């Protein structure tokens, strides 16, 4: 049984994970942390992280960037493994994450979906075959109309996975409206669509002469990110200090 503390328990993802854990016999939510609480959770909730003295095997963080520094300090003090899901961290915070991983296990990923992280692995193999054969590469990502950043962090992670296969880096192009020239070979076009309540949709297109190969991933609910975070917590509990990501979770699942 993996005992979990949920940092940001009353946020949207915190409540999704609370529901998922309730139906999983392998994990237990032993405490939650949130700035405000109305007492509706079936586990104790602390409005101040420093007051949480509950024994646990791992902490899952879905909070806000402003709360991450204190959370890292807490996990380091308690020797508590941390699944870090909060995005939008500053360069200074990313450096602190790296330093903290020297003392405790930290798992951080651009996207917690198991499907997206499997796609990252598949794209590396596809790019190694298709790009040298002259295929152009385009990424189209779609999200809800409340998302403020574009392109998505996941789209950039997909592009980085492809780019990692080559000695000569491809240029990322986000807007061609001001360009009047033939498409260069060494580029990856990334387009963002915002509308409605789209949770997350990513297409990676390899366009060659007379054939097109498309890799697609669609998230229909936030549950896919919550499931990945819970799987990550199971994996991380008991691991030695170091930096981990979702590819480690997938590799461990394959071995099992």
C-alpha atoms as a PDB file:
ATOM      1  CA  UNK A   1       0.000   0.000   0.000  1.00  0.00           C
ATOM      2  CA  UNK A   2       1.473   3.362  -1.090  1.00  0.00           C
ATOM      3  CA  UNK A   3       0.511   6.189   1.267  1.00  0.00           C
ATOM      4  CA  UNK A   4       0.145   9.537  -0.525  1.00  0.00           C
ATOM      5  CA  UNK A   5      -0.050  13.168   0.568  1.00  0.00           C
ATOM      6  CA  UNK A   6      -1.910  15.303  -1.997  1.00  0.00           C
ATOM      7  CA  UNK A   7      -0.487  18.843  -2.257  1.00  0.00           C
ATOM      8  CA  UNK A   8      -3.246  20.972  -3.810  1.00  0.00           C
ATOM      9  CA  UNK A   9      -5.963  18.508  -2.813  1.00  0.00           C
ATOM     10  CA  UNK A  10      -8.918  20.870  -3.362  1.00  0.00           C
ATOM     11  CA  UNK A  11      -7.909  21.951  -6.856  1.00  0.00           C
ATOM     12  CA  UNK A  12      -9.442  20.326  -9.943  1.00  0.00           C
ATOM     13  CA  UNK A  13      -6.645  17.781 -10.357  1.00  0.00           C
ATOM     14  CA  UNK A  14      -6.427  17.204  -6.617  1.00  0.00           C
ATOM     15  CA  UNK A  15     -10.078  16.202  -6.538  1.00  0.00           C
ATOM     16  CA  UNK A  16      -9.661  14.005  -9.626  1.00  0.00           C
ATOM     17  CA  UNK A  17      -6.809  12.169  -7.919  1.00  0.00           C
ATOM     18  CA  UNK A  18      -8.831  11.873  -4.688  1.00  0.00           C
ATOM     19  CA  UNK A  19     -11.524  10.059  -6.653  1.00  0.00           C
ATOM     20  CA  UNK A  20      -9.041   7.787  -8.419  1.00  0.00           C
ATOM     21  CA  UNK A  21      -7.285   6.808  -5.202  1.00  0.00           C
ATOM     22  CA  UNK A  22     -10.613   5.951  -3.564  1.00  0.00           C
ATOM     23  CA  UNK A  23     -11.066   3.189  -6.144  1.00  0.00           C
ATOM     24  CA  UNK A  24      -7.494   1.846  -6.030  1.00  0.00           C
ATOM     25  CA  UNK A  25      -6.632  -0.786  -3.418  1.00  0.00           C
ATOM     26  CA  UNK A  26      -2.891  -0.231  -3.892  1.00  0.00           C
ATOM     27  CA  UNK A  27      -2.823   3.388  -2.717  1.00  0.00           C
ATOM     28  CA  UNK A  28      -4.223   5.488   0.120  1.00  0.00           C
ATOM     29  CA  UNK A  29      -4.542   9.246   0.504  1.00  0.00           C
ATOM     30  CA  UNK A  30      -3.453   9.845   4.073  1.00  0.00           C
ATOM     31  CA  UNK A  31      -3.466  13.671   4.021  1.00  0.00           C
ATOM     32  CA  UNK A  32      -4.109  16.692   1.852  1.00  0.00           C
ATOM     33  CA  UNK A  33      -2.614  20.171   1.718  1.00  0.00           C
ATOM     34  CA  UNK A  34      -4.542  23.202   0.466  1.00  0.00           C
ATOM     35  CA  UNK A  35      -4.794  26.904   1.268  1.00  0.00           C
ATOM     36  CA  UNK A  36      -8.532  26.544   1.984  1.00  0.00           C
ATOM     37  CA  UNK A  37     -10.621  23.601   3.136  1.00  0.00           C
ATOM     38  CA  UNK A  38     -14.317  23.056   3.889  1.00  0.00           C
ATOM     39  CA  UNK A  39     -13.943  19.622   5.445  1.00  0.00           C
ATOM     40  CA  UNK A  40     -15.496  17.594   2.600  1.00  0.00           C
ATOM     41  CA  UNK A  41     -12.496  15.271   2.053  1.00  0.00           C
ATOM     42  CA  UNK A  42     -12.380  11.835   3.749  1.00  0.00           C
ATOM     43  CA  UNK A  43      -8.774  12.469   4.855  1.00  0.00           C
ATOM     44  CA  UNK A  44      -7.218  15.185   7.057  1.00  0.00           C
ATOM     45  CA  UNK A  45      -6.420  18.441   5.239  1.00  0.00           C
ATOM     46  CA  UNK A  46      -3.836  20.947   6.417  1.00  0.00           C
ATOM     47  CA  UNK A  47      -3.979  24.570   5.312  1.00  0.00           C
ATOM     48  CA  UNK A  48      -0.325  25.015   6.247  1.00  0.00           C
ATOM     49  CA  UNK A  49       2.142  22.470   4.883  1.00  0.00           C
ATOM     50  CA  UNK A  50       4.372  22.846   7.944  1.00  0.00           C
ATOM     51  CA  UNK A  51       1.568  21.471  10.154  1.00  0.00           C
ATOM     52  CA  UNK A  52       1.338  18.178   8.250  1.00  0.00           C
ATOM     53  CA  UNK A  53       2.982  15.471  10.371  1.00  0.00           C
ATOM     54  CA  UNK A  54       1.322  12.457   8.718  1.00  0.00           C
ATOM     55  CA  UNK A  55       3.575   9.538   7.710  1.00  0.00           C
ATOM     56  CA  UNK A  56       3.559   8.921   3.954  1.00  0.00           C
ATOM     57  CA  UNK A  57       5.482   7.200   1.153  1.00  0.00           C
ATOM     58  CA  UNK A  58       5.129   9.889  -1.523  1.00  0.00           C
ATOM     59  CA  UNK A  59       3.709  13.360  -2.179  1.00  0.00           C
ATOM     60  CA  UNK A  60       1.869  14.323  -5.370  1.00  0.00           C
ATOM     61  CA  UNK A  61       1.967  18.033  -6.186  1.00  0.00           C
ATOM     62  CA  UNK A  62      -0.722  19.628  -8.357  1.00  0.00           C
ATOM     63  CA  UNK A  63      -0.687  23.143  -6.925  1.00  0.00           C
ATOM     64  CA  UNK A  64       0.673  26.485  -8.135  1.00  0.00           C
ATOM     65  CA  UNK A  65       4.187  27.637  -8.953  1.00  0.00           C
ATOM     66  CA  UNK A  66       4.194  29.961  -5.929  1.00  0.00           C
ATOM     67  CA  UNK A  67       3.740  26.973  -3.602  1.00  0.00           C
ATOM     68  CA  UNK A  68       6.443  24.748  -5.090  1.00  0.00           C
ATOM     69  CA  UNK A  69       9.453  26.128  -3.191  1.00  0.00           C
ATOM     70  CA  UNK A  70       7.889  25.440   0.196  1.00  0.00           C
ATOM     71  CA  UNK A  71       6.757  22.006  -0.962  1.00  0.00           C
ATOM     72  CA  UNK A  72      10.281  21.074  -2.060  1.00  0.00           C
ATOM     73  CA  UNK A  73      11.687  22.217   1.293  1.00  0.00           C
ATOM     74  CA  UNK A  74       9.089  20.113   3.111  1.00  0.00           C
ATOM     75  CA  UNK A  75       9.801  16.975   1.064  1.00  0.00           C
ATOM     76  CA  UNK A  76      13.550  17.399   1.509  1.00  0.00           C
ATOM     77  CA  UNK A  77      13.156  17.784   5.279  1.00  0.00           C
ATOM     78  CA  UNK A  78      10.857  14.745   5.530  1.00  0.00           C
ATOM     79  CA  UNK A  79      12.889  12.657   3.018  1.00  0.00           C
ATOM     80  CA  UNK A  80       9.640  12.264   1.117  1.00  0.00           C
ATOM     81  CA  UNK A  81       9.611  11.321  -2.604  1.00  0.00           C
ATOM     82  CA  UNK A  82       7.798  13.899  -4.746  1.00  0.00           C
ATOM     83  CA  UNK A  83       5.790  13.632  -7.971  1.00  0.00           C
ATOM     84  CA  UNK A  84       5.940  17.209  -9.270  1.00  0.00           C
ATOM     85  CA  UNK A  85       3.062  17.997 -11.644  1.00  0.00           C
ATOM     86  CA  UNK A  86       2.871  21.790 -11.306  1.00  0.00           C
ATOM     87  CA  UNK A  87       3.963  23.655 -14.454  1.00  0.00           C
ATOM     88  CA  UNK A  88       5.096  27.205 -15.195  1.00  0.00           C
ATOM     89  CA  UNK A  89       8.141  27.057 -12.912  1.00  0.00           C
ATOM     90  CA  UNK A  90      10.828  29.728 -13.169  1.00  0.00           C
ATOM     91  CA  UNK A  91      14.429  28.937 -14.091  1.00  0.00           C
ATOM     92  CA  UNK A  92      15.376  29.403 -10.432  1.00  0.00           C
ATOM     93  CA  UNK A  93      12.694  26.926  -9.369  1.00  0.00           C
ATOM     94  CA  UNK A  94      13.790  24.393 -11.984  1.00  0.00           C
ATOM     95  CA  UNK A  95      17.308  24.675 -10.608  1.00  0.00           C
ATOM     96  CA  UNK A  96      15.951  24.087  -7.102  1.00  0.00           C
ATOM     97  CA  UNK A  97      14.100  20.986  -8.355  1.00  0.00           C
ATOM     98  CA  UNK A  98      17.384  19.671  -9.762  1.00  0.00           C
ATOM     99  CA  UNK A  99      19.228  20.379  -6.511  1.00  0.00           C
ATOM    100  CA  UNK A 100      16.469  18.760  -4.440  1.00  0.00           C
ATOM    101  CA  UNK A 101      16.644  15.598  -6.564  1.00  0.00           C
ATOM    102  CA  UNK A 102      20.172  15.132  -5.243  1.00  0.00           C
ATOM    103  CA  UNK A 103      18.683  14.469  -1.804  1.00  0.00           C
ATOM    104  CA  UNK A 104      15.296  12.837  -2.495  1.00  0.00           C
ATOM    105  CA  UNK A 105      13.639  11.146  -5.497  1.00  0.00           C
ATOM    106  CA  UNK A 106      11.757  13.691  -7.648  1.00  0.00           C
ATOM    107  CA  UNK A 107       9.644  12.767 -10.677  1.00  0.00           C
ATOM    108  CA  UNK A 108       8.848  15.605 -13.063  1.00  0.00           C
ATOM    109  CA  UNK A 109       7.269  15.335 -16.509  1.00  0.00           C
ATOM    110  CA  UNK A 110       5.833  17.828 -19.028  1.00  0.00           C
ATOM    111  CA  UNK A 111       2.687  15.682 -19.219  1.00  0.00           C
ATOM    112  CA  UNK A 112       1.585  12.989 -16.758  1.00  0.00           C
ATOM    113  CA  UNK A 113      -0.436  10.978 -19.295  1.00  0.00           C
ATOM    114  CA  UNK A 114       0.961   7.489 -19.843  1.00  0.00           C
ATOM    115  CA  UNK A 115      -0.238   7.695 -23.452  1.00  0.00           C
ATOM    116  CA  UNK A 116       1.651  10.917 -24.196  1.00  0.00           C
ATOM    117  CA  UNK A 117       4.814   9.564 -22.648  1.00  0.00           C
ATOM    118  CA  UNK A 118       4.589   6.376 -24.689  1.00  0.00           C
ATOM    119  CA  UNK A 119       4.089   8.603 -27.756  1.00  0.00           C
ATOM    120  CA  UNK A 120       7.316  10.450 -26.910  1.00  0.00           C
ATOM    121  CA  UNK A 121       9.213   7.174 -27.117  1.00  0.00           C
ATOM    122  CA  UNK A 122       7.546   6.157 -30.394  1.00  0.00           C
ATOM    123  CA  UNK A 123       8.274   9.521 -32.018  1.00  0.00           C
ATOM    124  CA  UNK A 124      12.002   9.161 -31.477  1.00  0.00           C
ATOM    125  CA  UNK A 125      12.028   5.933 -33.497  1.00  0.00           C
ATOM    126  CA  UNK A 126       9.741   7.339 -36.189  1.00  0.00           C
ATOM    127  CA  UNK A 127      11.797  10.510 -36.591  1.00  0.00           C
ATOM    128  CA  UNK A 128      14.994   8.513 -36.979  1.00  0.00           C
ATOM    129  CA  UNK A 129      13.487   6.748 -39.987  1.00  0.00           C
ATOM    130  CA  UNK A 130      11.212   9.341 -41.590  1.00  0.00           C
ATOM    131  CA  UNK A 131      13.153  12.615 -41.272  1.00  0.00           C
ATOM    132  CA  UNK A 132      16.225  11.346 -43.159  1.00  0.00           C
ATOM    133  CA  UNK A 133      13.800  10.093 -45.845  1.00  0.00           C
ATOM    134  CA  UNK A 134      12.665  13.678 -46.453  1.00  0.00           C
ATOM    135  CA  UNK A 135       9.422  13.794 -44.443  1.00  0.00           C
ATOM    136  CA  UNK A 136       8.342  17.237 -43.202  1.00  0.00           C
ATOM    137  CA  UNK A 137       7.276  17.437 -39.555  1.00  0.00           C
ATOM    138  CA  UNK A 138       4.315  19.420 -38.221  1.00  0.00           C
ATOM    139  CA  UNK A 139       2.653  19.447 -34.784  1.00  0.00           C
ATOM    140  CA  UNK A 140      -0.915  20.648 -34.193  1.00  0.00           C
ATOM    141  CA  UNK A 141      -2.147  20.993 -30.606  1.00  0.00           C
ATOM    142  CA  UNK A 142      -5.673  21.854 -29.457  1.00  0.00           C
ATOM    143  CA  UNK A 143      -6.823  22.938 -26.005  1.00  0.00           C
ATOM    144  CA  UNK A 144      -9.749  24.631 -24.245  1.00  0.00           C
ATOM    145  CA  UNK A 145     -10.344  28.377 -24.510  1.00  0.00           C
ATOM    146  CA  UNK A 146      -9.131  29.024 -20.938  1.00  0.00           C
ATOM    147  CA  UNK A 147      -5.573  27.856 -21.581  1.00  0.00           C
ATOM    148  CA  UNK A 148      -3.298  30.885 -21.521  1.00  0.00           C
ATOM    149  CA  UNK A 149      -0.003  29.513 -22.871  1.00  0.00           C
ATOM    150  CA  UNK A 150       0.673  28.542 -26.480  1.00  0.00           C
ATOM    151  CA  UNK A 151       2.093  26.313 -27.708  1.00  0.00           C
ATOM    152  CA  UNK A 152       1.445  23.778 -24.978  1.00  0.00           C
ATOM    153  CA  UNK A 153       4.283  22.358 -22.939  1.00  0.00           C
ATOM    154  CA  UNK A 154       3.346  18.939 -24.299  1.00  0.00           C
ATOM    155  CA  UNK A 155       3.710  20.123 -27.917  1.00  0.00           C
ATOM    156  CA  UNK A 156       7.191  21.420 -27.112  1.00  0.00           C
ATOM    157  CA  UNK A 157       8.048  18.128 -25.386  1.00  0.00           C
ATOM    158  CA  UNK A 158       6.959  16.239 -28.526  1.00  0.00           C
ATOM    159  CA  UNK A 159       9.143  18.500 -30.675  1.00  0.00           C
ATOM    160  CA  UNK A 160      12.075  18.059 -28.283  1.00  0.00           C
ATOM    161  CA  UNK A 161      11.699  14.263 -28.437  1.00  0.00           C
ATOM    162  CA  UNK A 162      11.963  14.414 -32.230  1.00  0.00           C
ATOM    163  CA  UNK A 163      14.811  16.917 -32.174  1.00  0.00           C
ATOM    164  CA  UNK A 164      16.772  14.753 -29.773  1.00  0.00           C
ATOM    165  CA  UNK A 165      17.361  12.235 -32.546  1.00  0.00           C
ATOM    166  CA  UNK A 166      19.476  14.610 -34.642  1.00  0.00           C
ATOM    167  CA  UNK A 167      22.921  16.148 -34.328  1.00  0.00           C
ATOM    168  CA  UNK A 168      21.750  19.234 -36.247  1.00  0.00           C
ATOM    169  CA  UNK A 169      18.763  20.750 -34.457  1.00  0.00           C
ATOM    170  CA  UNK A 170      15.521  21.519 -36.252  1.00  0.00           C
ATOM    171  CA  UNK A 171      14.148  25.059 -35.907  1.00  0.00           C
ATOM    172  CA  UNK A 172      10.735  25.444 -34.256  1.00  0.00           C
ATOM    173  CA  UNK A 173       8.385  27.661 -36.299  1.00  0.00           C
ATOM    174  CA  UNK A 174       5.219  28.994 -34.629  1.00  0.00           C
ATOM    175  CA  UNK A 175       4.012  31.493 -37.246  1.00  0.00           C
ATOM    176  CA  UNK A 176       4.566  31.528 -41.000  1.00  0.00           C
ATOM    177  CA  UNK A 177       2.333  34.510 -41.770  1.00  0.00           C
ATOM    178  CA  UNK A 178       5.280  36.901 -42.240  1.00  0.00           C
ATOM    179  CA  UNK A 179       7.389  34.490 -44.265  1.00  0.00           C
ATOM    180  CA  UNK A 180       7.364  34.355 -48.062  1.00  0.00           C
ATOM    181  CA  UNK A 181       9.640  31.449 -48.808  1.00  0.00           C
ATOM    182  CA  UNK A 182       9.679  27.740 -49.481  1.00  0.00           C
ATOM    183  CA  UNK A 183       9.448  25.606 -46.356  1.00  0.00           C
ATOM    184  CA  UNK A 184      12.964  24.703 -45.160  1.00  0.00           C
ATOM    185  CA  UNK A 185      13.626  21.047 -44.419  1.00  0.00           C
ATOM    186  CA  UNK A 186      15.179  21.646 -41.019  1.00  0.00           C
ATOM    187  CA  UNK A 187      12.105  22.929 -39.226  1.00  0.00           C
ATOM    188  CA  UNK A 188       9.208  21.666 -37.125  1.00  0.00           C
ATOM    189  CA  UNK A 189       6.012  23.676 -37.463  1.00  0.00           C
ATOM    190  CA  UNK A 190       3.962  23.959 -34.265  1.00  0.00           C
ATOM    191  CA  UNK A 191       0.369  25.259 -34.445  1.00  0.00           C
ATOM    192  CA  UNK A 192      -1.973  25.995 -31.521  1.00  0.00           C
ATOM    193  CA  UNK A 193      -5.785  25.882 -31.544  1.00  0.00           C
ATOM    194  CA  UNK A 194      -7.863  27.214 -28.630  1.00  0.00           C
ATOM    195  CA  UNK A 195     -11.591  26.599 -28.303  1.00  0.00           C
ATOM    196  CA  UNK A 196     -14.446  25.170 -26.257  1.00  0.00           C
ATOM    197  CA  UNK A 197     -13.646  22.623 -23.602  1.00  0.00           C
ATOM    198  CA  UNK A 198     -11.002  20.557 -25.444  1.00  0.00           C
ATOM    199  CA  UNK A 199      -8.959  18.866 -22.709  1.00  0.00           C
ATOM    200  CA  UNK A 200      -5.946  18.168 -24.905  1.00  0.00           C
ATOM    201  CA  UNK A 201      -5.411  16.991 -28.482  1.00  0.00           C
ATOM    202  CA  UNK A 202      -2.009  16.558 -30.154  1.00  0.00           C
ATOM    203  CA  UNK A 203      -1.230  15.466 -33.721  1.00  0.00           C
ATOM    204  CA  UNK A 204       2.311  14.907 -34.983  1.00  0.00           C
ATOM    205  CA  UNK A 205       2.348  14.808 -38.785  1.00  0.00           C
ATOM    206  CA  UNK A 206       5.131  13.337 -40.911  1.00  0.00           C
ATOM    207  CA  UNK A 207       4.354  14.475 -44.478  1.00  0.00           C
ATOM    208  CA  UNK A 208       6.350  12.859 -47.278  1.00  0.00           C
ATOM    209  CA  UNK A 209       6.015  12.415 -51.015  1.00  0.00           C
ATOM    210  CA  UNK A 210       2.641  10.751 -51.650  1.00  0.00           C
ATOM    211  CA  UNK A 211       2.142   9.581 -48.052  1.00  0.00           C
ATOM    212  CA  UNK A 212       1.380  11.052 -44.639  1.00  0.00           C
ATOM    213  CA  UNK A 213       1.858   9.374 -41.274  1.00  0.00           C
ATOM    214  CA  UNK A 214       0.100  10.934 -38.268  1.00  0.00           C
ATOM    215  CA  UNK A 215       0.571  10.132 -34.600  1.00  0.00           C
ATOM    216  CA  UNK A 216      -2.379  11.320 -32.494  1.00  0.00           C
ATOM    217  CA  UNK A 217      -3.251  11.545 -28.820  1.00  0.00           C
ATOM    218  CA  UNK A 218      -6.544  12.811 -27.415  1.00  0.00           C
ATOM    219  CA  UNK A 219      -7.316  13.337 -23.728  1.00  0.00           C
ATOM    220  CA  UNK A 220     -11.071  13.216 -23.049  1.00  0.00           C
ATOM    221  CA  UNK A 221     -10.821  14.109 -19.369  1.00  0.00           C
ATOM    222  CA  UNK A 222      -8.315  15.208 -16.741  1.00  0.00           C
ATOM    223  CA  UNK A 223      -8.428  11.673 -15.359  1.00  0.00           C
ATOM    224  CA  UNK A 224      -5.647  10.578 -17.742  1.00  0.00           C
ATOM    225  CA  UNK A 225      -3.244  12.986 -16.020  1.00  0.00           C
ATOM    226  CA  UNK A 226      -4.412  11.868 -12.580  1.00  0.00           C
ATOM    227  CA  UNK A 227      -3.945   8.186 -13.424  1.00  0.00           C
ATOM    228  CA  UNK A 228      -0.414   8.901 -14.571  1.00  0.00           C
ATOM    229  CA  UNK A 229       0.375  10.793 -11.363  1.00  0.00           C
ATOM    230  CA  UNK A 230      -0.902   7.911  -9.211  1.00  0.00           C
ATOM    231  CA  UNK A 231       1.147   5.398 -11.229  1.00  0.00           C
ATOM    232  CA  UNK A 232       4.163   7.663 -10.800  1.00  0.00           C
ATOM    233  CA  UNK A 233       3.665   7.762  -7.010  1.00  0.00           C
ATOM    234  CA  UNK A 234       3.531   3.956  -6.858  1.00  0.00           C
ATOM    235  CA  UNK A 235       6.736   3.790  -8.876  1.00  0.00           C
ATOM    236  CA  UNK A 236       8.619   6.500  -6.963  1.00  0.00           C
ATOM    237  CA  UNK A 237       7.960   5.283  -3.410  1.00  0.00           C
ATOM    238  CA  UNK A 238      11.127   3.699  -2.056  1.00  0.00           C
ATOM    239  CA  UNK A 239      13.377   4.801  -4.945  1.00  0.00           C
ATOM    240  CA  UNK A 240      16.806   6.329  -4.296  1.00  0.00           C
ATOM    241  CA  UNK A 241      17.393  10.070  -4.680  1.00  0.00           C
ATOM    242  CA  UNK A 242      17.523  11.298  -8.261  1.00  0.00           C
ATOM    243  CA  UNK A 243      15.545  12.894 -11.074  1.00  0.00           C
ATOM    244  CA  UNK A 244      12.913  10.685 -12.718  1.00  0.00           C
ATOM    245  CA  UNK A 245      10.276  11.167 -15.415  1.00  0.00           C
ATOM    246  CA  UNK A 246       7.339   9.226 -16.846  1.00  0.00           C
ATOM    247  CA  UNK A 247       9.571   7.273 -19.205  1.00  0.00           C
ATOM    248  CA  UNK A 248      10.948   5.522 -16.104  1.00  0.00           C
ATOM    249  CA  UNK A 249       7.400   4.596 -15.074  1.00  0.00           C
ATOM    250  CA  UNK A 250       6.690   3.142 -18.523  1.00  0.00           C
ATOM    251  CA  UNK A 251       9.982   1.202 -18.598  1.00  0.00           C
ATOM    252  CA  UNK A 252       9.194  -0.299 -15.189  1.00  0.00           C
ATOM    253  CA  UNK A 253       5.702  -1.317 -16.355  1.00  0.00           C
ATOM    254  CA  UNK A 254       7.145  -3.030 -19.438  1.00  0.00           C
ATOM    255  CA  UNK A 255       9.621  -4.998 -17.310  1.00  0.00           C
ATOM    256  CA  UNK A 256       6.822  -6.157 -14.992  1.00  0.00           C
END
